[in-house]
Protein backbone atom coordinates (compact mmCIF):
# COMPACT_ATOMS: atom_id res chain seq x y z
CA MET A 1 0.00 -0.02 0.00
CA ASN A 2 1.53 3.42 -1.11
CA PHE A 3 1.53 6.47 1.07
CA LYS A 4 -1.25 8.22 -0.70
CA ASN A 5 -3.69 5.40 -0.19
CA LEU A 6 -2.74 4.97 3.36
CA LEU A 7 -3.21 8.81 3.77
CA LEU A 8 -6.63 8.46 2.28
CA ILE A 9 -7.69 5.61 4.48
CA CYS A 10 -6.68 7.53 7.55
CA LEU A 11 -8.61 10.65 6.41
CA LEU A 12 -11.80 8.66 5.78
CA PHE A 13 -11.44 6.98 9.16
CA LEU A 14 -11.12 10.36 10.78
CA ALA A 15 -14.10 11.76 8.81
CA ASN A 16 -16.26 8.72 9.94
CA SER A 17 -15.13 9.22 13.42
CA LEU A 18 -16.08 12.89 13.44
CA CYS A 19 -19.62 12.15 11.97
CA TYR A 20 -20.21 9.59 14.56
CA ALA A 21 -19.13 11.93 17.28
CA GLN A 22 -21.59 14.58 15.96
CA LYS A 23 -24.47 12.18 15.72
CA GLU A 24 -24.00 11.20 19.45
CA PRO A 25 -27.13 12.31 21.17
CA ARG A 26 -26.45 15.17 23.65
CA ASN A 27 -29.90 15.79 24.91
CA TRP A 28 -28.98 16.93 28.44
CA ASN A 29 -27.99 20.65 28.33
CA GLY A 30 -25.42 19.60 25.49
CA LYS A 31 -24.24 16.64 27.45
CA LYS A 32 -24.79 12.85 26.83
CA CYS A 33 -26.55 12.43 30.16
CA ALA A 34 -27.39 14.38 33.47
CA VAL A 35 -26.50 13.42 37.11
CA VAL A 36 -28.34 14.80 40.05
CA LEU A 37 -26.73 14.47 43.54
CA THR A 38 -29.31 14.58 46.20
CA TYR A 39 -28.84 14.29 50.05
CA ASP A 40 -31.68 13.59 52.41
CA ASP A 41 -32.58 14.61 55.95
CA ALA A 42 -30.33 17.45 56.78
CA LEU A 43 -27.35 15.93 58.42
CA ASN A 44 -24.34 17.64 59.84
CA ILE A 45 -22.15 15.59 57.71
CA HIS A 46 -23.72 17.30 54.73
CA LEU A 47 -22.66 20.61 55.86
CA ASP A 48 -19.25 19.56 57.43
CA LYS A 49 -18.05 17.11 54.64
CA VAL A 50 -20.29 16.91 51.60
CA ILE A 51 -20.80 20.62 50.75
CA PRO A 52 -17.09 21.51 50.91
CA ASP A 53 -16.22 18.41 48.79
CA LEU A 54 -18.78 19.43 46.15
CA ASN A 55 -17.49 22.92 46.27
CA THR A 56 -13.89 21.69 45.40
CA PHE A 57 -15.27 20.35 42.17
CA ASN A 58 -17.58 23.24 41.58
CA PHE A 59 -20.60 20.94 41.67
CA LYS A 60 -24.00 21.93 43.02
CA GLY A 61 -26.22 19.34 44.96
CA THR A 62 -29.73 19.15 46.18
CA PHE A 63 -30.22 18.94 49.91
CA TYR A 64 -33.71 17.81 51.02
CA LEU A 65 -34.17 19.35 54.48
CA ILE A 66 -36.49 18.33 57.19
CA ALA A 67 -37.47 21.78 58.20
CA SER A 68 -37.97 21.23 61.82
CA SER A 69 -34.54 19.39 62.30
CA ALA A 70 -32.24 20.94 64.75
CA VAL A 71 -29.50 20.66 62.05
CA VAL A 72 -31.67 23.12 60.11
CA THR A 73 -32.77 25.61 62.74
CA GLY A 74 -29.42 25.31 64.51
CA ARG A 75 -27.21 25.91 61.51
CA ILE A 76 -29.25 28.36 59.44
CA ALA A 77 -26.34 30.56 58.45
CA GLU A 78 -24.54 27.60 56.85
CA TRP A 79 -27.49 26.44 54.86
CA ARG A 80 -27.92 30.04 53.69
CA ALA A 81 -24.29 30.07 52.62
CA ALA A 82 -24.67 26.69 50.90
CA SER A 83 -27.65 28.23 48.84
CA LYS A 84 -25.67 31.15 47.90
CA GLN A 85 -22.91 28.86 46.57
CA GLY A 86 -25.57 27.30 44.19
CA HIS A 87 -26.93 24.34 46.09
CA GLU A 88 -30.51 23.70 46.20
CA LEU A 89 -32.41 23.53 49.60
CA GLY A 90 -35.26 21.06 48.80
CA ASN A 91 -38.40 20.36 50.68
CA HIS A 92 -38.34 16.98 52.73
CA THR A 93 -41.48 18.27 54.80
CA LEU A 94 -41.71 19.82 58.30
CA TYR A 95 -41.50 16.43 60.36
CA HIS A 96 -40.67 13.73 57.89
CA PRO A 97 -43.88 11.65 58.15
CA CYS A 98 -43.83 8.10 56.79
CA ASP A 99 -46.59 5.43 56.69
CA GLY A 100 -45.85 3.37 59.99
CA ARG A 101 -47.98 0.42 58.78
CA LEU A 102 -45.40 -0.66 56.19
CA PRO A 103 -42.71 -3.31 57.05
CA GLY A 104 -39.47 -2.10 58.50
CA ARG A 105 -41.13 1.20 59.79
CA ASP A 106 -40.50 0.77 63.53
CA PHE A 107 -38.70 4.00 63.54
CA VAL A 108 -41.93 5.86 62.88
CA THR A 109 -43.69 7.51 65.82
CA LYS A 110 -47.45 7.80 66.24
CA GLU A 111 -47.08 11.60 65.79
CA ASN A 112 -45.09 11.25 62.53
CA ASP A 113 -47.21 8.36 61.03
CA LEU A 114 -48.22 9.37 57.71
CA SER A 115 -51.23 6.97 57.92
CA ASN A 116 -52.80 9.07 60.81
CA TYR A 117 -52.55 12.31 58.59
CA SER A 118 -55.24 14.02 56.67
CA VAL A 119 -54.21 15.19 53.23
CA ALA A 120 -54.90 18.78 54.59
CA ARG A 121 -52.40 18.43 57.29
CA ALA A 122 -49.80 17.10 55.16
CA VAL A 123 -50.31 19.84 52.64
CA GLN A 124 -50.19 22.50 55.35
CA GLU A 125 -46.90 21.15 56.84
CA ILE A 126 -45.10 21.04 53.56
CA ARG A 127 -46.17 24.63 52.69
CA THR A 128 -44.96 25.74 56.16
CA ALA A 129 -41.66 23.87 55.39
CA ASN A 130 -41.58 25.86 52.15
CA GLN A 131 -41.95 29.23 54.23
CA LEU A 132 -39.18 28.21 56.61
CA LEU A 133 -36.84 27.45 53.64
CA ALA A 134 -37.71 30.63 51.82
CA ALA A 135 -36.83 32.51 54.96
CA ILE A 136 -33.20 30.85 54.79
CA ASP A 137 -32.57 30.95 51.04
CA GLY A 138 -34.97 33.61 49.62
CA GLN A 139 -35.88 31.12 46.82
CA THR A 140 -39.36 30.69 45.43
CA VAL A 141 -38.70 27.72 43.22
CA ARG A 142 -37.76 24.45 44.53
CA THR A 143 -38.29 20.74 44.58
CA PHE A 144 -39.78 18.13 46.94
CA ALA A 145 -38.81 14.72 48.11
CA TYR A 146 -41.25 12.19 49.62
CA PRO A 147 -40.27 10.98 52.97
CA CYS A 148 -39.64 7.28 52.74
CA GLY A 149 -40.91 7.46 49.12
CA ASP A 150 -44.39 7.38 50.36
CA LEU A 151 -46.89 8.82 47.84
CA THR A 152 -50.31 8.55 49.28
CA ILE A 153 -52.43 9.12 52.31
CA GLY A 154 -55.06 6.46 52.07
CA ASP A 155 -55.68 6.27 48.49
CA THR A 156 -54.93 9.99 47.83
CA LEU A 157 -51.73 11.16 46.15
CA TYR A 158 -51.14 13.96 48.26
CA TYR A 159 -48.62 15.71 45.98
CA ASP A 160 -51.52 16.38 43.61
CA PHE A 161 -52.41 19.37 45.76
CA LEU A 162 -48.83 20.65 45.76
CA LYS A 163 -48.04 20.64 42.01
CA ARG A 164 -48.19 24.54 41.91
CA ASP A 165 -45.77 24.81 44.90
CA PHE A 166 -42.91 22.80 43.25
CA VAL A 167 -41.48 22.12 39.73
CA ALA A 168 -40.92 18.48 40.66
CA ALA A 169 -40.97 15.77 43.23
CA ARG A 170 -38.25 12.99 43.75
CA GLY A 171 -39.40 9.51 44.43
CA VAL A 172 -37.45 6.35 45.11
CA GLU A 173 -38.15 4.03 42.04
CA GLN A 174 -35.38 3.42 39.88
CA GLY A 175 -35.27 3.87 36.03
CA PHE A 176 -33.58 5.52 33.08
CA LEU A 177 -36.15 7.63 31.26
CA GLN A 178 -36.19 10.03 28.42
CA ALA A 179 -37.31 13.70 29.21
CA LYS A 180 -40.79 13.13 27.64
CA ALA A 181 -41.43 9.98 29.79
CA VAL A 182 -40.43 11.42 33.10
CA ASP A 183 -43.21 11.88 35.76
CA LEU A 184 -42.17 15.11 37.49
CA ALA A 185 -44.48 14.19 40.45
CA ASN A 186 -42.42 11.08 40.89
CA VAL A 187 -38.96 11.49 39.55
CA ASN A 188 -36.90 8.28 39.44
CA SER A 189 -33.80 7.98 41.71
CA PHE A 190 -31.33 5.35 42.95
CA VAL A 191 -30.94 4.92 46.69
CA GLU A 192 -27.23 4.35 47.72
CA ASN A 193 -26.40 2.35 50.74
CA GLY A 194 -23.04 0.76 51.15
CA THR A 195 -22.52 1.35 47.43
CA THR A 196 -18.84 1.77 46.13
CA ALA A 197 -17.89 4.39 43.66
CA ALA A 198 -17.40 1.84 40.88
CA GLN A 199 -21.02 0.71 41.32
CA MET A 200 -22.24 4.09 41.17
CA ILE A 201 -20.11 4.73 38.05
CA ALA A 202 -21.67 1.73 36.52
CA GLN A 203 -25.08 3.24 37.10
CA ILE A 204 -24.05 6.42 35.34
CA GLU A 205 -22.60 4.64 32.37
CA GLU A 206 -25.99 2.84 32.13
CA ALA A 207 -27.83 6.16 32.24
CA GLU A 208 -25.49 7.49 29.52
CA LYS A 209 -26.03 4.45 27.22
CA ALA A 210 -29.82 5.00 27.62
CA GLY A 211 -29.32 8.57 26.82
CA SER A 212 -31.07 9.51 30.03
CA PHE A 213 -30.15 10.85 33.54
CA ILE A 214 -29.70 9.50 36.97
CA VAL A 215 -30.62 10.98 40.46
CA PHE A 216 -28.58 9.70 43.21
CA LEU A 217 -30.34 9.68 46.69
CA PHE A 218 -27.93 9.64 49.55
CA HIS A 219 -28.39 9.99 53.16
CA GLY A 220 -25.24 9.47 55.30
CA VAL A 221 -21.83 10.14 53.70
CA GLY A 222 -19.34 8.86 56.05
CA GLY A 223 -21.76 8.28 58.87
CA GLU A 224 -24.66 9.89 60.85
CA HIS A 225 -27.45 7.65 59.33
CA PRO A 226 -28.25 3.83 58.84
CA LEU A 227 -28.27 4.41 55.09
CA ASN A 228 -24.73 5.45 54.41
CA ILE A 229 -21.94 5.24 51.92
CA ALA A 230 -18.23 5.94 52.70
CA LEU A 231 -17.02 9.41 52.30
CA GLU A 232 -14.02 8.19 50.16
CA GLU A 233 -16.40 6.40 47.83
CA HIS A 234 -18.44 9.60 47.46
CA HIS A 235 -15.14 11.45 46.79
CA LYS A 236 -14.19 9.01 44.04
CA LEU A 237 -17.51 9.51 42.35
CA LEU A 238 -16.94 13.35 42.19
CA LEU A 239 -13.44 12.66 40.85
CA TYR A 240 -15.04 10.59 38.00
CA LEU A 241 -17.70 13.15 37.33
CA LYS A 242 -14.87 16.07 37.07
CA LYS A 243 -13.01 13.92 34.64
CA ARG A 244 -16.20 13.29 32.56
CA GLU A 245 -17.49 16.96 32.70
CA GLN A 246 -17.65 17.32 28.82
CA ASP A 247 -20.15 14.57 28.70
CA ILE A 248 -21.96 14.68 31.86
CA TRP A 249 -24.12 17.44 33.23
CA VAL A 250 -24.12 17.60 37.08
CA THR A 251 -27.04 19.72 38.12
CA PRO A 252 -29.27 20.25 41.14
CA MET A 253 -32.77 18.75 40.76
CA VAL A 254 -34.53 22.14 40.45
CA ASP A 255 -32.56 22.84 37.25
CA LEU A 256 -33.05 19.32 35.91
CA ALA A 257 -36.89 19.70 36.28
CA LYS A 258 -36.84 23.18 34.73
CA TYR A 259 -34.92 21.87 31.81
CA ILE A 260 -37.13 19.00 31.22
CA LYS A 261 -40.12 21.18 31.38
CA LYS A 262 -38.68 23.64 29.00
CA LYS A 263 -37.61 20.76 26.56
CA ARG A 264 -41.19 19.62 26.51
CA GLU A 265 -42.58 23.01 25.82
CA THR A 266 -40.33 23.62 22.80
CA LYS A 267 -41.37 20.30 21.19
């Protein structure tokens, strides 16, 4: 094979590679997929370890706060600072009520048993939590997360009465969906407990292959909660996301929800 033929083959290969790269779907703010990092229950570790680690990489997370928690009321200035840094303070209700009738719910008290709530009480408490959060961060647009993933009171979907109060609500069911298929009243997420960075990276790669997004649901990160991942594994995940910044959009839940809504309106 002479030099001219070899050069022609190389140029054709390069042209095909460029065409393929241009055809790769980039449906998430110009990226191949989106990753949302969410942290539940307003833990000290979130302020002390997680937010500083996120800030190191210039990533923004969503922190679902139980508005009555002592970690909220006792550290308001720090949550306010987190909001100013771009992190979302999401609504995780006033008292975190869960349905105590379900298996594994021994931690639910009579006072905070969602099965004893009326829909009106749940709605009122969630709106009160929104008022408290607004007093901290000054924001009027945010997302909601169902405590324990419980969607109903009796047979009523209580979030149906709150859709004008939020742009989206995060659930706990797994799935890799396209924007048009996402239920913004019950956005899919992946609960992480004892998970390694390698396992979480594999989940991101699945989302990327599907042209979708993934919402990570964390509680403890280095302790402070029965549902926990190691701080080191969380840091490794952030390192991976930083290396893949050209292809992966790391965004708070509120911005993902706004993006999905806008995308639907323009089609």
